[in-house]
Amino acid sequence: MDTIFLILGLILSIIFPPAALLCFHFIPQMKVGYNFVIHFVVNIILCILFYLPGIIHALLIMFGIAQKFC
């Protein structure tokens, strides 16, 4: 079951990264607060200005790589 969520998260990260963050990272872990707002807004700005960095940012957040630096 985890591999299905991983594949769906990857596909959604490529199609629409902010939705992937909401569906597969923030809502299941209930991380609502300052970090959520910052990462969500940064991801939306990255997607509006440059699409590829938005995808990279979503993948980093989803796999927990960026959590080490926050």
PDB file of N, CA and C in Angstrom:
ATOM      1  N   MET A   1       0.811  -1.196   0.000  1.00  0.00           N
ATOM      2  CA  MET A   1       0.000   0.000   0.000  1.00  0.00           C
ATOM      3  C   MET A   1       0.858   1.265   0.000  1.00  0.00           C
ATOM      4  N   ASP A   2       2.010   1.208   0.647  1.00  0.00           N
ATOM      5  CA  ASP A   2       2.879   2.383   0.678  1.00  0.00           C
ATOM      6  C   ASP A   2       3.445   2.698  -0.693  1.00  0.00           C
ATOM      7  N   THR A   3       3.697   1.681  -1.499  1.00  0.00           N
ATOM      8  CA  THR A   3       4.232   1.942  -2.833  1.00  0.00           C
ATOM      9  C   THR A   3       3.199   2.624  -3.719  1.00  0.00           C
ATOM     10  N   ILE A   4       1.931   2.328  -3.504  1.00  0.00           N
ATOM     11  CA  ILE A   4       0.879   2.993  -4.276  1.00  0.00           C
ATOM     12  C   ILE A   4       0.845   4.480  -3.936  1.00  0.00           C
ATOM     13  N   PHE A   5       0.925   4.801  -2.646  1.00  0.00           N
ATOM     14  CA  PHE A   5       0.939   6.202  -2.243  1.00  0.00           C
ATOM     15  C   PHE A   5       2.194   6.907  -2.730  1.00  0.00           C
ATOM     16  N   LEU A   6       3.306   6.212  -2.758  1.00  0.00           N
ATOM     17  CA  LEU A   6       4.547   6.790  -3.260  1.00  0.00           C
ATOM     18  C   LEU A   6       4.437   7.115  -4.737  1.00  0.00           C
ATOM     19  N   ILE A   7       3.897   6.194  -5.510  1.00  0.00           N
ATOM     20  CA  ILE A   7       3.733   6.423  -6.951  1.00  0.00           C
ATOM     21  C   ILE A   7       2.732   7.544  -7.211  1.00  0.00           C
ATOM     22  N   LEU A   8       1.617   7.547  -6.484  1.00  0.00           N
ATOM     23  CA  LEU A   8       0.633   8.626  -6.651  1.00  0.00           C
ATOM     24  C   LEU A   8       1.219   9.981  -6.252  1.00  0.00           C
ATOM     25  N   GLY A   9       2.029   9.994  -5.201  1.00  0.00           N
ATOM     26  CA  GLY A   9       2.678  11.226  -4.778  1.00  0.00           C
ATOM     27  C   GLY A   9       3.656  11.746  -5.812  1.00  0.00           C
ATOM     28  N   LEU A  10       4.402  10.852  -6.427  1.00  0.00           N
ATOM     29  CA  LEU A  10       5.330  11.260  -7.482  1.00  0.00           C
ATOM     30  C   LEU A  10       4.596  11.818  -8.694  1.00  0.00           C
ATOM     31  N   ILE A  11       3.523  11.148  -9.089  1.00  0.00           N
ATOM     32  CA  ILE A  11       2.756  11.609 -10.242  1.00  0.00           C
ATOM     33  C   ILE A  11       2.113  12.957  -9.958  1.00  0.00           C
ATOM     34  N   LEU A  12       1.531  13.110  -8.787  1.00  0.00           N
ATOM     35  CA  LEU A  12       0.894  14.376  -8.440  1.00  0.00           C
ATOM     36  C   LEU A  12       1.923  15.487  -8.259  1.00  0.00           C
ATOM     37  N   SER A  13       3.119  15.148  -7.809  1.00  0.00           N
ATOM     38  CA  SER A  13       4.178  16.148  -7.679  1.00  0.00           C
ATOM     39  C   SER A  13       4.594  16.692  -9.036  1.00  0.00           C
ATOM     40  N   ILE A  14       4.543  15.877 -10.035  1.00  0.00           N
ATOM     41  CA  ILE A  14       4.907  16.334 -11.375  1.00  0.00           C
ATOM     42  C   ILE A  14       3.774  17.149 -11.991  1.00  0.00           C
ATOM     43  N   ILE A  15       2.544  16.740 -11.755  1.00  0.00           N
ATOM     44  CA  ILE A  15       1.405  17.435 -12.357  1.00  0.00           C
ATOM     45  C   ILE A  15       1.108  18.751 -11.638  1.00  0.00           C
ATOM     46  N   PHE A  16       0.942  18.705 -10.321  1.00  0.00           N
ATOM     47  CA  PHE A  16       0.608  19.910  -9.546  1.00  0.00           C
ATOM     48  C   PHE A  16       1.230  19.794  -8.157  1.00  0.00           C
ATOM     49  N   PRO A  17       2.437  20.305  -7.985  1.00  0.00           N
ATOM     50  CA  PRO A  17       3.188  20.117  -6.740  1.00  0.00           C
ATOM     51  C   PRO A  17       2.510  20.598  -5.456  1.00  0.00           C
ATOM     52  N   PRO A  18       1.827  21.759  -5.425  1.00  0.00           N
ATOM     53  CA  PRO A  18       1.190  22.146  -4.156  1.00  0.00           C
ATOM     54  C   PRO A  18       0.122  21.160  -3.684  1.00  0.00           C
ATOM     55  N   ALA A  19      -0.611  20.579  -4.616  1.00  0.00           N
ATOM     56  CA  ALA A  19      -1.620  19.589  -4.234  1.00  0.00           C
ATOM     57  C   ALA A  19      -0.975  18.327  -3.679  1.00  0.00           C
ATOM     58  N   ALA A  20       0.176  17.971  -4.208  1.00  0.00           N
ATOM     59  CA  ALA A  20       0.886  16.796  -3.693  1.00  0.00           C
ATOM     60  C   ALA A  20       1.338  17.030  -2.262  1.00  0.00           C
ATOM     61  N   LEU A  21       1.796  18.245  -1.967  1.00  0.00           N
ATOM     62  CA  LEU A  21       2.189  18.555  -0.595  1.00  0.00           C
ATOM     63  C   LEU A  21       1.002  18.470   0.351  1.00  0.00           C
ATOM     64  N   LEU A  22      -0.125  18.985  -0.079  1.00  0.00           N
ATOM     65  CA  LEU A  22      -1.315  18.932   0.774  1.00  0.00           C
ATOM     66  C   LEU A  22      -1.790  17.511   0.994  1.00  0.00           C
ATOM     67  N   CYS A  23      -1.913  16.753  -0.076  1.00  0.00           N
ATOM     68  CA  CYS A  23      -2.524  15.421   0.014  1.00  0.00           C
ATOM     69  C   CYS A  23      -1.645  14.379   0.678  1.00  0.00           C
ATOM     70  N   PHE A  24      -0.360  14.414   0.378  1.00  0.00           N
ATOM     71  CA  PHE A  24       0.483  13.307   0.788  1.00  0.00           C
ATOM     72  C   PHE A  24       1.477  13.630   1.892  1.00  0.00           C
ATOM     73  N   HIS A  25       1.593  14.908   2.262  1.00  0.00           N
ATOM     74  CA  HIS A  25       2.567  15.215   3.310  1.00  0.00           C
ATOM     75  C   HIS A  25       1.932  15.920   4.504  1.00  0.00           C
ATOM     76  N   PHE A  26       1.278  17.041   4.265  1.00  0.00           N
ATOM     77  CA  PHE A  26       0.836  17.857   5.388  1.00  0.00           C
ATOM     78  C   PHE A  26      -0.433  17.338   6.043  1.00  0.00           C
ATOM     79  N   ILE A  27      -1.410  16.927   5.270  1.00  0.00           N
ATOM     80  CA  ILE A  27      -2.674  16.480   5.857  1.00  0.00           C
ATOM     81  C   ILE A  27      -2.519  15.176   6.638  1.00  0.00           C
ATOM     82  N   PRO A  28      -1.844  14.148   6.103  1.00  0.00           N
ATOM     83  CA  PRO A  28      -1.729  12.911   6.910  1.00  0.00           C
ATOM     84  C   PRO A  28      -0.935  13.092   8.198  1.00  0.00           C
ATOM     85  N   GLN A  29       0.057  13.960   8.198  1.00  0.00           N
ATOM     86  CA  GLN A  29       0.873  14.137   9.393  1.00  0.00           C
ATOM     87  C   GLN A  29       0.363  15.265  10.273  1.00  0.00           C
ATOM     88  N   MET A  30      -0.649  15.979   9.808  1.00  0.00           N
ATOM     89  CA  MET A  30      -1.242  17.103  10.543  1.00  0.00           C
ATOM     90  C   MET A  30      -0.195  18.120  10.963  1.00  0.00           C
ATOM     91  N   LYS A  31       0.682  18.452  10.048  1.00  0.00           N
ATOM     92  CA  LYS A  31       1.700  19.460  10.315  1.00  0.00           C
ATOM     93  C   LYS A  31       1.141  20.819   9.905  1.00  0.00           C
ATOM     94  N   VAL A  32       0.287  21.325  10.694  1.00  0.00           N
ATOM     95  CA  VAL A  32      -0.307  22.622  10.414  1.00  0.00           C
ATOM     96  C   VAL A  32       0.373  23.623  11.317  1.00  0.00           C
ATOM     97  N   GLY A  33       0.882  24.645  10.736  1.00  0.00           N
ATOM     98  CA  GLY A  33       1.586  25.650  11.515  1.00  0.00           C
ATOM     99  C   GLY A  33       2.524  26.445  10.643  1.00  0.00           C
ATOM    100  N   TYR A  34       3.553  26.971  11.261  1.00  0.00           N
ATOM    101  CA  TYR A  34       4.466  27.883  10.586  1.00  0.00           C
ATOM    102  C   TYR A  34       5.202  27.207   9.430  1.00  0.00           C
ATOM    103  N   ASN A  35       5.742  26.003   9.638  1.00  0.00           N
ATOM    104  CA  ASN A  35       6.460  25.321   8.569  1.00  0.00           C
ATOM    105  C   ASN A  35       5.555  25.003   7.395  1.00  0.00           C
ATOM    106  N   PHE A  36       4.325  24.642   7.682  1.00  0.00           N
ATOM    107  CA  PHE A  36       3.386  24.327   6.610  1.00  0.00           C
ATOM    108  C   PHE A  36       3.146  25.552   5.741  1.00  0.00           C
ATOM    109  N   VAL A  37       2.894  26.677   6.363  1.00  0.00           N
ATOM    110  CA  VAL A  37       2.589  27.891   5.612  1.00  0.00           C
ATOM    111  C   VAL A  37       3.779  28.314   4.766  1.00  0.00           C
ATOM    112  N   ILE A  38       4.966  28.282   5.344  1.00  0.00           N
ATOM    113  CA  ILE A  38       6.160  28.692   4.604  1.00  0.00           C
ATOM    114  C   ILE A  38       6.393  27.783   3.401  1.00  0.00           C
ATOM    115  N   HIS A  39       6.389  26.474   3.621  1.00  0.00           N
ATOM    116  CA  HIS A  39       6.661  25.562   2.517  1.00  0.00           C
ATOM    117  C   HIS A  39       5.572  25.604   1.455  1.00  0.00           C
ATOM    118  N   PHE A  40       4.334  25.739   1.871  1.00  0.00           N
ATOM    119  CA  PHE A  40       3.242  25.780   0.905  1.00  0.00           C
ATOM    120  C   PHE A  40       3.306  27.043   0.048  1.00  0.00           C
ATOM    121  N   VAL A  41       3.545  28.185   0.676  1.00  0.00           N
ATOM    122  CA  VAL A  41       3.629  29.447  -0.071  1.00  0.00           C
ATOM    123  C   VAL A  41       4.851  29.453  -0.982  1.00  0.00           C
ATOM    124  N   VAL A  42       5.980  28.967  -0.479  1.00  0.00           N
ATOM    125  CA  VAL A  42       7.186  28.899  -1.314  1.00  0.00           C
ATOM    126  C   VAL A  42       6.943  27.997  -2.519  1.00  0.00           C
ATOM    127  N   ASN A  43       6.264  26.883  -2.314  1.00  0.00           N
ATOM    128  CA  ASN A  43       6.003  25.983  -3.419  1.00  0.00           C
ATOM    129  C   ASN A  43       5.079  26.614  -4.447  1.00  0.00           C
ATOM    130  N   ILE A  44       4.073  27.328  -4.004  1.00  0.00           N
ATOM    131  CA  ILE A  44       3.174  28.001  -4.950  1.00  0.00           C
ATOM    132  C   ILE A  44       3.930  29.064  -5.738  1.00  0.00           C
ATOM    133  N   ILE A  45       4.776  29.839  -5.072  1.00  0.00           N
ATOM    134  CA  ILE A  45       5.565  30.869  -5.764  1.00  0.00           C
ATOM    135  C   ILE A  45       6.516  30.222  -6.772  1.00  0.00           C
ATOM    136  N   LEU A  46       7.173  29.138  -6.371  1.00  0.00           N
ATOM    137  CA  LEU A  46       8.071  28.451  -7.298  1.00  0.00           C
ATOM    138  C   LEU A  46       7.326  27.891  -8.502  1.00  0.00           C
ATOM    139  N   CYS A  47       6.123  27.405  -8.283  1.00  0.00           N
ATOM    140  CA  CYS A  47       5.344  26.863  -9.402  1.00  0.00           C
ATOM    141  C   CYS A  47       4.860  27.960 -10.343  1.00  0.00           C
ATOM    142  N   ILE A  48       4.550  29.120  -9.789  1.00  0.00           N
ATOM    143  CA  ILE A  48       4.100  30.228 -10.633  1.00  0.00           C
ATOM    144  C   ILE A  48       5.259  30.795 -11.445  1.00  0.00           C
ATOM    145  N   LEU A  49       6.389  31.002 -10.789  1.00  0.00           N
ATOM    146  CA  LEU A  49       7.527  31.605 -11.481  1.00  0.00           C
ATOM    147  C   LEU A  49       8.268  30.597 -12.357  1.00  0.00           C
ATOM    148  N   PHE A  50       8.617  29.477 -11.764  1.00  0.00           N
ATOM    149  CA  PHE A  50       9.383  28.443 -12.466  1.00  0.00           C
ATOM    150  C   PHE A  50       8.779  27.101 -12.076  1.00  0.00           C
ATOM    151  N   TYR A  51       8.351  26.336 -13.045  1.00  0.00           N
ATOM    152  CA  TYR A  51       7.629  25.094 -12.739  1.00  0.00           C
ATOM    153  C   TYR A  51       8.548  23.999 -12.205  1.00  0.00           C
ATOM    154  N   LEU A  52       9.720  23.837 -12.783  1.00  0.00           N
ATOM    155  CA  LEU A  52      10.627  22.761 -12.386  1.00  0.00           C
ATOM    156  C   LEU A  52      11.122  22.893 -10.939  1.00  0.00           C
ATOM    157  N   PRO A  53      11.509  24.077 -10.469  1.00  0.00           N
ATOM    158  CA  PRO A  53      11.881  24.174  -9.047  1.00  0.00           C
ATOM    159  C   PRO A  53      10.728  23.866  -8.091  1.00  0.00           C
ATOM    160  N   GLY A  54       9.500  24.133  -8.516  1.00  0.00           N
ATOM    161  CA  GLY A  54       8.345  23.770  -7.701  1.00  0.00           C
ATOM    162  C   GLY A  54       8.216  22.269  -7.548  1.00  0.00           C
ATOM    163  N   ILE A  55       8.491  21.543  -8.633  1.00  0.00           N
ATOM    164  CA  ILE A  55       8.458  20.084  -8.585  1.00  0.00           C
ATOM    165  C   ILE A  55       9.561  19.564  -7.673  1.00  0.00           C
ATOM    166  N   ILE A  56      10.756  20.110  -7.820  1.00  0.00           N
ATOM    167  CA  ILE A  56      11.890  19.678  -6.994  1.00  0.00           C
ATOM    168  C   ILE A  56      11.620  19.958  -5.523  1.00  0.00           C
ATOM    169  N   HIS A  57      11.082  21.124  -5.216  1.00  0.00           N
ATOM    170  CA  HIS A  57      10.770  21.481  -3.832  1.00  0.00           C
ATOM    171  C   HIS A  57       9.726  20.527  -3.244  1.00  0.00           C
ATOM    172  N   ALA A  58       8.703  20.202  -4.017  1.00  0.00           N
ATOM    173  CA  ALA A  58       7.671  19.280  -3.529  1.00  0.00           C
ATOM    174  C   ALA A  58       8.256  17.895  -3.251  1.00  0.00           C
ATOM    175  N   LEU A  59       9.120  17.428  -4.138  1.00  0.00           N
ATOM    176  CA  LEU A  59       9.734  16.120  -3.927  1.00  0.00           C
ATOM    177  C   LEU A  59      10.652  16.123  -2.708  1.00  0.00           C
ATOM    178  N   LEU A  60      11.391  17.209  -2.512  1.00  0.00           N
ATOM    179  CA  LEU A  60      12.262  17.303  -1.342  1.00  0.00           C
ATOM    180  C   LEU A  60      11.456  17.289  -0.048  1.00  0.00           C
ATOM    181  N   ILE A  61      10.353  17.997  -0.030  1.00  0.00           N
ATOM    182  CA  ILE A  61       9.519  18.029   1.163  1.00  0.00           C
ATOM    183  C   ILE A  61       8.858  16.670   1.392  1.00  0.00           C
ATOM    184  N   MET A  62       8.364  16.062   0.328  1.00  0.00           N
ATOM    185  CA  MET A  62       7.662  14.786   0.487  1.00  0.00           C
ATOM    186  C   MET A  62       8.579  13.672   0.974  1.00  0.00           C
ATOM    187  N   PHE A  63       9.813  13.682   0.537  1.00  0.00           N
ATOM    188  CA  PHE A  63      10.736  12.629   0.956  1.00  0.00           C
ATOM    189  C   PHE A  63      11.517  12.997   2.207  1.00  0.00           C
ATOM    190  N   GLY A  64      11.252  14.164   2.775  1.00  0.00           N
ATOM    191  CA  GLY A  64      11.848  14.533   4.049  1.00  0.00           C
ATOM    192  C   GLY A  64      13.273  15.023   3.975  1.00  0.00           C
ATOM    193  N   ILE A  65      13.775  15.274   2.785  1.00  0.00           N
ATOM    194  CA  ILE A  65      15.149  15.737   2.657  1.00  0.00           C
ATOM    195  C   ILE A  65      15.282  17.169   3.135  1.00  0.00           C
ATOM    196  N   ALA A  66      14.298  17.993   2.822  1.00  0.00           N
ATOM    197  CA  ALA A  66      14.379  19.398   3.199  1.00  0.00           C
ATOM    198  C   ALA A  66      14.084  19.616   4.682  1.00  0.00           C
ATOM    199  N   GLN A  67      13.523  18.652   5.377  1.00  0.00           N
ATOM    200  CA  GLN A  67      13.206  18.811   6.784  1.00  0.00           C
ATOM    201  C   GLN A  67      14.475  18.930   7.632  1.00  0.00           C
ATOM    202  N   LYS A  68      15.585  18.420   7.152  1.00  0.00           N
ATOM    203  CA  LYS A  68      16.836  18.511   7.890  1.00  0.00           C
ATOM    204  C   LYS A  68      17.349  19.938   7.953  1.00  0.00           C
ATOM    205  N   PHE A  69      16.979  20.755   6.956  1.00  0.00           N
ATOM    206  CA  PHE A  69      17.505  22.096   6.868  1.00  0.00           C
ATOM    207  C   PHE A  69      16.558  23.165   7.410  1.00  0.00           C
ATOM    208  N   CYS A  70      15.390  22.759   7.883  1.00  0.00           N
ATOM    209  CA  CYS A  70      14.404  23.735   8.380  1.00  0.00           C
ATOM    210  C   CYS A  70      14.417  23.807   9.888  1.00  0.00           C
TER     211      CYS A  70
END
